[in-house]
Amino acid sequence: MMVPTDINPEELLQHGISLSQRGDYSGALSFFNQTLELRPDSLEAWSEKGGALINLGQLEPALRCFERSLLVHPTSPYLHYHHAWTAHLAGLYDNAANGFKRCLELQPNYPNAHYGVGLALYMLGRYEDAIPQLKKATELAPEDRDCFYVQGVALLMTGRYEGAVTHFNRALEIDPQHAESLSNRAQALVSLADYEAALASFDSALKINDEDPQAWYQRGIALKYLNRHKDAIASYQRSLEIDQEQPSTWYNKGFSHMKMEAYSQALSAFDRAVEIQPTYHEAWYNRGVVLKMLGRLEEAVVSYDQALEIRPNDFRAWNNRGGLLVSLGQYESAITSYDRALQLRPDDAIAEKNRAVAIRKLERRTASVQIPQG
């Protein structure tokens, strides 16, 4: 559509901005396009058009918009930044990191760009590379909550728990109501074995957002370490009311039931865990434990077999399996199971003793068999 040349492009631009501010992004796009027909070099029009497309959820057109804008303004750090951020929103984290780096070449010490590089690298799982960028962002923007928060998460992911707590504390000084900082601080405190402090931090997070299934789950873990299994079960249950498809929550719920000797409830939870994640080794293993406690020995053997298919070098499963087979009178199979356990731990006295018991039982049974005389 041709736009009459006597129309003031600045007025078109301002009208589009006004519509955009009121949330009418589709209407705003029309005015930004008209502005760009008259002034294809308008940096602000390109930027506003890209922003409107993002707000409409049209990320690919937004990316193309910023790419075209960079053909007109290749040295604009502002446009490079917004192009990179759009790539990040689209899940193109490599492109985003490169775009933010290009922005920093044009405008060093831009805290948002350092944060953007760090965040993109974090999303790529490159935590060690992300940390220096995020550290620089916190130095340049000491009042930016998100810089400290993401730096804290990166430190948490690399096992630097004390540093993570320090950064989450700083984020909370800036924004005491940031539930994510409270929850992640609690996870770091669990890793530091400071379970009471972790529990208090989870409770604070859940006062702000009680619909976070991960916070309820991790709170249950803290309670488990405090041997408060009944309270842990309640926390896992709350997590499962929000998200029923988390196998680790079902597993840990089963584990706490098992510790409380509520074996039927434990079995139900372990069943659900392996239904969701059939390769969940620990769930199969502990399922075998509770089946034994329920007297369902044949089923327990099958559960250990499943665990051993996933992790063939699990000494515990081979040893326990041997004990079940002895109880079932399957002495030869039990000996084979103990042999496998002793290959993994040649000096294990308990496995040696159990194997010897199985051999004696087999010998006694063999000796008791009467051989017919010819």
Protein backbone atom coordinates (compact mmCIF):
# COMPACT_ATOMS: atom_id res chain seq x y z
CA MET A 1 0.00 0.00 0.00
CA MET A 2 1.39 3.34 -1.08
CA VAL A 3 1.29 6.09 1.52
CA PRO A 4 0.72 9.68 0.38
CA THR A 5 4.01 11.53 0.60
CA ASP A 6 2.42 14.59 2.20
CA ILE A 7 1.69 12.63 5.41
CA ASN A 8 4.08 13.38 8.27
CA PRO A 9 5.95 10.13 9.07
CA GLU A 10 6.63 11.33 12.62
CA GLU A 11 2.89 11.67 13.23
CA LEU A 12 2.34 8.16 11.86
CA LEU A 13 5.04 6.81 14.13
CA GLN A 14 3.66 8.53 17.22
CA HIS A 15 0.15 7.32 16.45
CA GLY A 16 1.48 3.76 16.15
CA ILE A 17 3.34 4.10 19.45
CA SER A 18 0.16 5.37 21.10
CA LEU A 19 -1.80 2.36 19.83
CA SER A 20 0.96 0.02 20.96
CA GLN A 21 0.95 1.51 24.45
CA ARG A 22 -2.79 0.84 24.62
CA GLY A 23 -2.25 -2.80 23.61
CA ASP A 24 -3.53 -2.48 20.03
CA TYR A 25 -0.46 -4.04 18.44
CA SER A 26 -2.16 -5.03 15.19
CA GLY A 27 -3.38 -1.48 14.66
CA ALA A 28 0.04 -0.13 15.59
CA LEU A 29 1.75 -2.33 12.97
CA SER A 30 -0.18 -0.60 10.20
CA PHE A 31 1.20 2.78 11.23
CA PHE A 32 4.75 1.49 11.69
CA ASN A 33 4.64 -0.02 8.19
CA GLN A 34 3.38 3.29 6.76
CA THR A 35 6.18 5.12 8.57
CA LEU A 36 8.78 2.78 7.10
CA GLU A 37 7.43 3.25 3.59
CA LEU A 38 8.11 6.97 3.95
CA ARG A 39 11.25 6.64 6.07
CA PRO A 40 12.88 3.24 5.62
CA ASP A 41 15.82 4.39 7.72
CA SER A 42 13.70 5.11 10.83
CA LEU A 43 15.43 3.17 13.58
CA GLU A 44 12.59 3.83 16.01
CA ALA A 45 9.95 2.59 13.58
CA TRP A 46 11.86 -0.64 12.98
CA SER A 47 12.28 -1.14 16.71
CA GLU A 48 8.63 -0.42 17.50
CA LYS A 49 7.47 -2.72 14.72
CA GLY A 50 9.63 -5.54 16.07
CA GLY A 51 8.30 -4.94 19.58
CA ALA A 52 4.69 -5.04 18.37
CA LEU A 53 5.32 -8.33 16.57
CA ILE A 54 6.84 -9.80 19.75
CA ASN A 55 3.80 -8.73 21.75
CA LEU A 56 1.60 -10.46 19.17
CA GLY A 57 3.64 -13.64 19.62
CA GLN A 58 4.92 -13.44 16.04
CA LEU A 59 8.57 -14.18 16.80
CA GLU A 60 9.70 -15.23 13.32
CA PRO A 61 8.32 -12.06 11.68
CA ALA A 62 9.89 -10.07 14.54
CA LEU A 63 13.27 -11.68 13.84
CA ARG A 64 12.96 -10.84 10.14
CA CYS A 65 12.00 -7.30 11.07
CA PHE A 66 15.13 -6.80 13.19
CA GLU A 67 17.29 -8.50 10.53
CA ARG A 68 16.01 -6.02 7.94
CA SER A 69 16.53 -3.15 10.36
CA LEU A 70 20.17 -4.19 10.81
CA LEU A 71 20.70 -3.96 7.05
CA VAL A 72 19.77 -0.29 7.41
CA HIS A 73 21.52 0.29 10.76
CA PRO A 74 24.27 -2.37 11.03
CA THR A 75 26.11 -0.57 13.84
CA SER A 76 23.13 0.03 16.13
CA PRO A 77 23.74 -1.72 19.47
CA TYR A 78 20.09 -1.08 20.29
CA LEU A 79 18.86 -3.09 17.29
CA HIS A 80 21.44 -5.84 17.82
CA TYR A 81 20.23 -6.14 21.40
CA HIS A 82 16.57 -6.44 20.43
CA HIS A 83 17.38 -8.86 17.61
CA ALA A 84 19.29 -11.03 20.10
CA TRP A 85 16.50 -10.86 22.66
CA THR A 86 13.96 -11.92 20.04
CA ALA A 87 16.18 -14.88 19.14
CA HIS A 88 16.28 -15.77 22.83
CA LEU A 89 12.49 -15.68 23.07
CA ALA A 90 12.35 -17.96 20.03
CA GLY A 91 14.65 -20.46 21.75
CA LEU A 92 17.57 -19.73 19.39
CA TYR A 93 20.06 -19.41 22.22
CA ASP A 94 23.24 -19.70 20.13
CA ASN A 95 22.02 -16.90 17.88
CA ALA A 96 20.99 -14.89 20.92
CA ALA A 97 24.41 -15.22 22.58
CA ASN A 98 26.16 -14.16 19.38
CA GLY A 99 23.80 -11.21 18.95
CA PHE A 100 24.38 -9.98 22.50
CA LYS A 101 28.14 -10.32 21.98
CA ARG A 102 27.89 -8.20 18.82
CA CYS A 103 25.97 -5.62 20.83
CA LEU A 104 28.82 -5.55 23.39
CA GLU A 105 31.38 -5.03 20.63
CA LEU A 106 29.49 -1.88 19.67
CA GLN A 107 28.64 -0.81 23.22
CA PRO A 108 30.93 -2.31 25.87
CA ASN A 109 29.78 -2.42 29.49
CA TYR A 110 26.11 -2.63 28.53
CA PRO A 111 24.71 -4.57 31.53
CA ASN A 112 21.60 -5.86 29.75
CA ALA A 113 23.74 -7.34 26.99
CA HIS A 114 26.09 -9.04 29.47
CA TYR A 115 23.01 -10.42 31.21
CA GLY A 116 21.62 -11.55 27.84
CA VAL A 117 24.82 -13.42 26.94
CA GLY A 118 24.88 -15.06 30.36
CA LEU A 119 21.23 -16.04 30.22
CA ALA A 120 21.57 -17.52 26.72
CA LEU A 121 24.65 -19.51 27.74
CA TYR A 122 22.81 -20.69 30.85
CA MET A 123 19.92 -21.92 28.70
CA LEU A 124 22.46 -23.83 26.59
CA GLY A 125 23.73 -25.54 29.75
CA ARG A 126 27.06 -23.71 29.48
CA TYR A 127 27.04 -22.63 33.11
CA GLU A 128 30.78 -22.02 33.48
CA ASP A 129 30.75 -19.71 30.44
CA ALA A 130 27.63 -17.95 31.71
CA ILE A 131 29.02 -17.09 35.15
CA PRO A 132 31.61 -14.44 34.09
CA GLN A 133 29.03 -12.67 31.91
CA LEU A 134 26.49 -12.64 34.72
CA LYS A 135 29.13 -11.47 37.20
CA LYS A 136 29.90 -8.54 34.90
CA ALA A 137 26.19 -7.75 34.69
CA THR A 138 25.89 -7.64 38.49
CA GLU A 139 28.88 -5.30 38.68
CA LEU A 140 27.38 -2.94 36.10
CA ALA A 141 23.81 -3.19 37.42
CA PRO A 142 24.08 -3.75 41.19
CA GLU A 143 20.34 -3.16 41.68
CA ASP A 144 19.13 -5.59 39.00
CA ARG A 145 17.43 -8.50 40.74
CA ASP A 146 17.45 -10.80 37.72
CA CYS A 147 21.22 -10.52 37.24
CA PHE A 148 21.84 -11.75 40.78
CA TYR A 149 19.11 -14.38 40.53
CA VAL A 150 20.37 -16.01 37.32
CA GLN A 151 23.96 -15.81 38.59
CA GLY A 152 22.75 -17.63 41.70
CA VAL A 153 21.08 -20.34 39.64
CA ALA A 154 24.24 -20.82 37.55
CA LEU A 155 26.29 -21.17 40.74
CA LEU A 156 23.71 -23.64 42.09
CA MET A 157 23.96 -25.73 38.92
CA THR A 158 27.76 -25.88 39.22
CA GLY A 159 27.72 -26.94 42.88
CA ARG A 160 28.84 -23.61 44.33
CA TYR A 161 26.14 -23.57 46.94
CA GLU A 162 27.48 -20.94 49.32
CA GLY A 163 28.00 -18.52 46.43
CA ALA A 164 24.51 -19.31 45.19
CA VAL A 165 23.00 -18.48 48.59
CA THR A 166 24.91 -15.17 48.64
CA HIS A 167 23.53 -14.19 45.22
CA PHE A 168 19.97 -15.22 46.08
CA ASN A 169 20.25 -13.19 49.28
CA ARG A 170 21.28 -10.15 47.23
CA ALA A 171 18.37 -10.67 44.83
CA LEU A 172 16.06 -10.81 47.85
CA GLU A 173 17.50 -7.60 49.26
CA ILE A 174 16.40 -5.96 46.01
CA ASP A 175 13.05 -7.78 45.84
CA PRO A 176 12.01 -9.59 49.05
CA GLN A 177 8.92 -11.01 47.31
CA HIS A 178 10.82 -12.89 44.59
CA ALA A 179 9.54 -16.43 45.11
CA GLU A 180 12.03 -17.99 42.68
CA SER A 181 15.00 -16.62 44.64
CA LEU A 182 13.53 -17.93 47.88
CA SER A 183 12.89 -21.37 46.38
CA ASN A 184 16.30 -21.70 44.73
CA ARG A 185 18.03 -20.41 47.86
CA ALA A 186 16.26 -23.19 49.72
CA GLN A 187 17.56 -25.78 47.24
CA ALA A 188 21.11 -24.51 47.77
CA LEU A 189 20.61 -24.72 51.54
CA VAL A 190 19.44 -28.34 51.19
CA SER A 191 22.68 -29.09 49.34
CA LEU A 192 24.56 -27.47 52.24
CA ALA A 193 22.62 -29.73 54.67
CA ASP A 194 21.07 -26.67 56.36
CA TYR A 195 17.62 -28.23 56.25
CA GLU A 196 15.86 -26.03 58.80
CA ALA A 197 16.94 -22.87 56.98
CA ALA A 198 15.93 -24.47 53.68
CA LEU A 199 12.50 -25.29 55.05
CA ALA A 200 12.00 -21.70 56.21
CA SER A 201 12.99 -20.42 52.76
CA PHE A 202 10.60 -22.82 51.02
CA ASP A 203 7.80 -21.74 53.34
CA SER A 204 8.46 -18.08 52.49
CA ALA A 205 8.44 -18.88 48.77
CA LEU A 206 5.16 -20.78 49.04
CA LYS A 207 3.48 -17.93 50.91
CA ILE A 208 4.09 -15.87 47.77
CA ASN A 209 3.28 -18.61 45.22
CA ASP A 210 1.62 -21.73 46.58
CA GLU A 211 1.09 -23.18 43.09
CA ASP A 212 4.75 -24.05 42.46
CA PRO A 213 4.95 -27.87 42.32
CA GLN A 214 8.75 -27.88 42.36
CA ALA A 215 8.89 -25.84 45.56
CA TRP A 216 6.45 -28.21 47.27
CA TYR A 217 8.50 -31.17 46.04
CA GLN A 218 11.83 -29.75 47.18
CA ARG A 219 10.25 -28.80 50.52
CA GLY A 220 9.36 -32.47 50.89
CA ILE A 221 13.00 -33.39 50.26
CA ALA A 222 14.13 -31.05 53.06
CA LEU A 223 11.57 -32.64 55.39
CA LYS A 224 12.78 -36.10 54.37
CA TYR A 225 16.31 -35.22 55.43
CA LEU A 226 14.90 -34.06 58.76
CA ASN A 227 13.20 -37.49 59.08
CA ARG A 228 9.81 -35.78 59.10
CA HIS A 229 8.33 -38.25 56.65
CA LYS A 230 4.68 -37.60 57.46
CA ASP A 231 5.14 -33.89 56.74
CA ALA A 232 7.19 -34.74 53.65
CA ILE A 233 4.33 -36.87 52.29
CA ALA A 234 1.91 -33.96 52.74
CA SER A 235 4.30 -31.70 50.82
CA TYR A 236 4.70 -34.24 47.99
CA GLN A 237 0.93 -34.66 47.87
CA ARG A 238 0.46 -30.91 47.45
CA SER A 239 3.01 -30.95 44.62
CA LEU A 240 1.14 -33.80 42.92
CA GLU A 241 -2.16 -31.95 43.17
CA ILE A 242 -0.56 -29.31 40.93
CA ASP A 243 1.43 -31.64 38.64
CA GLN A 244 0.67 -35.37 38.68
CA GLU A 245 3.28 -36.30 36.07
CA GLN A 246 6.50 -35.86 38.06
CA PRO A 247 8.05 -39.31 38.64
CA SER A 248 10.55 -38.05 41.22
CA THR A 249 7.71 -36.72 43.38
CA TRP A 250 5.90 -40.06 43.25
CA TYR A 251 9.16 -41.87 44.03
CA ASN A 252 10.00 -39.74 47.06
CA LYS A 253 6.42 -39.99 48.30
CA GLY A 254 6.81 -43.77 48.09
CA PHE A 255 10.16 -43.59 49.86
CA SER A 256 8.66 -41.71 52.81
CA HIS A 257 5.73 -44.15 52.99
CA MET A 258 8.29 -46.97 53.02
CA LYS A 259 10.18 -45.34 55.89
CA MET A 260 6.90 -45.15 57.81
CA GLU A 261 6.31 -48.86 57.04
CA ALA A 262 3.19 -48.02 55.04
CA TYR A 263 4.17 -50.52 52.37
CA SER A 264 0.95 -50.64 50.36
CA GLN A 265 0.94 -46.85 49.96
CA ALA A 266 4.64 -46.97 49.09
CA LEU A 267 3.98 -49.59 46.40
CA SER A 268 1.22 -47.49 44.83
CA ALA A 269 3.55 -44.50 44.64
CA PHE A 270 6.44 -46.53 43.18
CA ASP A 271 4.03 -48.05 40.64
CA ARG A 272 3.07 -44.57 39.50
CA ALA A 273 6.71 -43.48 39.28
CA VAL A 274 7.68 -46.36 36.97
CA GLU A 275 4.49 -45.93 34.95
CA ILE A 276 5.55 -42.36 34.14
CA GLN A 277 9.26 -43.20 33.81
CA PRO A 278 9.83 -46.89 33.05
CA THR A 279 13.62 -46.48 33.35
CA TYR A 280 13.47 -45.15 36.93
CA HIS A 281 16.00 -47.50 38.52
CA GLU A 282 15.59 -46.51 42.19
CA ALA A 283 11.82 -46.78 41.92
CA TRP A 284 12.10 -50.35 40.61
CA TYR A 285 14.65 -51.19 43.30
CA ASN A 286 12.61 -49.87 46.22
CA ARG A 287 9.48 -51.37 44.70
CA GLY A 288 11.25 -54.70 45.13
CA VAL A 289 11.99 -53.83 48.76
CA VAL A 290 8.35 -53.09 49.63
CA LEU A 291 7.05 -56.12 47.72
CA LYS A 292 9.32 -58.27 49.88
CA MET A 293 7.96 -56.58 53.01
CA LEU A 294 4.44 -57.35 51.75
CA GLY A 295 5.38 -61.02 51.30
CA ARG A 296 5.04 -60.86 47.51
CA LEU A 297 8.41 -62.45 46.84
CA GLU A 298 8.01 -63.52 43.20
CA GLU A 299 6.90 -60.01 42.25
CA ALA A 300 9.82 -58.56 44.20
CA VAL A 301 12.25 -60.65 42.12
CA VAL A 302 10.66 -59.30 38.93
CA SER A 303 11.05 -55.75 40.24
CA TYR A 304 14.74 -56.32 41.00
CA ASP A 305 15.13 -57.80 37.52
CA GLN A 306 13.72 -54.59 36.07
CA ALA A 307 16.12 -52.54 38.18
CA LEU A 308 19.05 -54.66 37.00
CA GLU A 309 18.10 -54.28 33.35
CA ILE A 310 18.52 -50.55 33.83
CA ARG A 311 21.61 -50.70 36.06
CA PRO A 312 23.30 -54.12 35.82
CA ASN A 313 26.04 -53.20 38.29
CA ASP A 314 23.78 -52.55 41.27
CA PHE A 315 25.26 -54.69 44.04
CA ARG A 316 22.26 -54.09 46.32
CA ALA A 317 19.78 -55.47 43.80
CA TRP A 318 21.84 -58.61 43.10
CA ASN A 319 22.29 -59.26 46.83
CA ASN A 320 18.63 -58.67 47.69
CA ARG A 321 17.54 -60.74 44.72
CA GLY A 322 19.67 -63.60 46.02
CA GLY A 323 17.95 -63.41 49.40
CA LEU A 324 14.52 -63.60 47.80
CA LEU A 325 15.50 -66.61 45.71
CA VAL A 326 16.75 -68.39 48.83
CA SER A 327 13.38 -67.73 50.50
CA LEU A 328 11.68 -69.15 47.40
CA GLY A 329 13.86 -72.26 47.53
CA GLN A 330 15.57 -71.41 44.23
CA TYR A 331 19.06 -71.98 45.59
CA GLU A 332 20.97 -72.36 42.35
CA SER A 333 19.58 -69.10 41.01
CA ALA A 334 20.31 -67.47 44.37
CA ILE A 335 23.95 -68.58 44.19
CA THR A 336 24.21 -67.14 40.68
CA SER A 337 22.82 -63.86 41.99
CA TYR A 338 25.31 -63.77 44.86
CA ASP A 339 28.14 -64.60 42.44
CA ARG A 340 27.19 -61.52 40.44
CA ALA A 341 27.08 -59.42 43.61
CA LEU A 342 30.54 -60.64 44.62
CA GLN A 343 31.95 -59.80 41.21
CA LEU A 344 30.98 -56.23 42.01
CA ARG A 345 32.16 -56.33 45.66
CA PRO A 346 34.57 -59.25 46.08
CA ASP A 347 35.21 -58.54 49.77
CA ASP A 348 31.62 -58.11 50.92
CA ALA A 349 31.27 -60.34 53.98
CA ILE A 350 27.46 -60.31 54.00
CA ALA A 351 27.19 -61.46 50.38
CA GLU A 352 29.80 -64.18 51.07
CA LYS A 353 27.82 -65.36 54.10
CA ASN A 354 24.52 -65.33 52.20
CA ARG A 355 26.08 -67.29 49.34
CA ALA A 356 27.41 -69.87 51.79
CA VAL A 357 23.94 -70.25 53.31
CA ALA A 358 22.46 -70.83 49.84
CA ILE A 359 25.11 -73.47 49.08
CA ARG A 360 24.43 -75.32 52.35
CA LYS A 361 20.69 -75.31 51.73
CA LEU A 362 21.24 -76.63 48.20
CA GLU A 363 23.56 -79.37 49.51
CA ARG A 364 21.06 -80.42 52.19
CA ARG A 365 18.25 -80.60 49.68
CA THR A 366 20.41 -82.61 47.27
CA ALA A 367 21.45 -84.99 50.04
CA SER A 368 17.84 -85.52 51.10
CA VAL A 369 16.82 -86.73 47.67
CA GLN A 370 16.59 -90.53 47.72
CA ILE A 371 18.24 -92.16 44.73
CA PRO A 372 16.26 -95.25 43.65
CA GLN A 373 18.21 -98.53 43.87
CA GLY A 374 18.43 -100.54 40.67
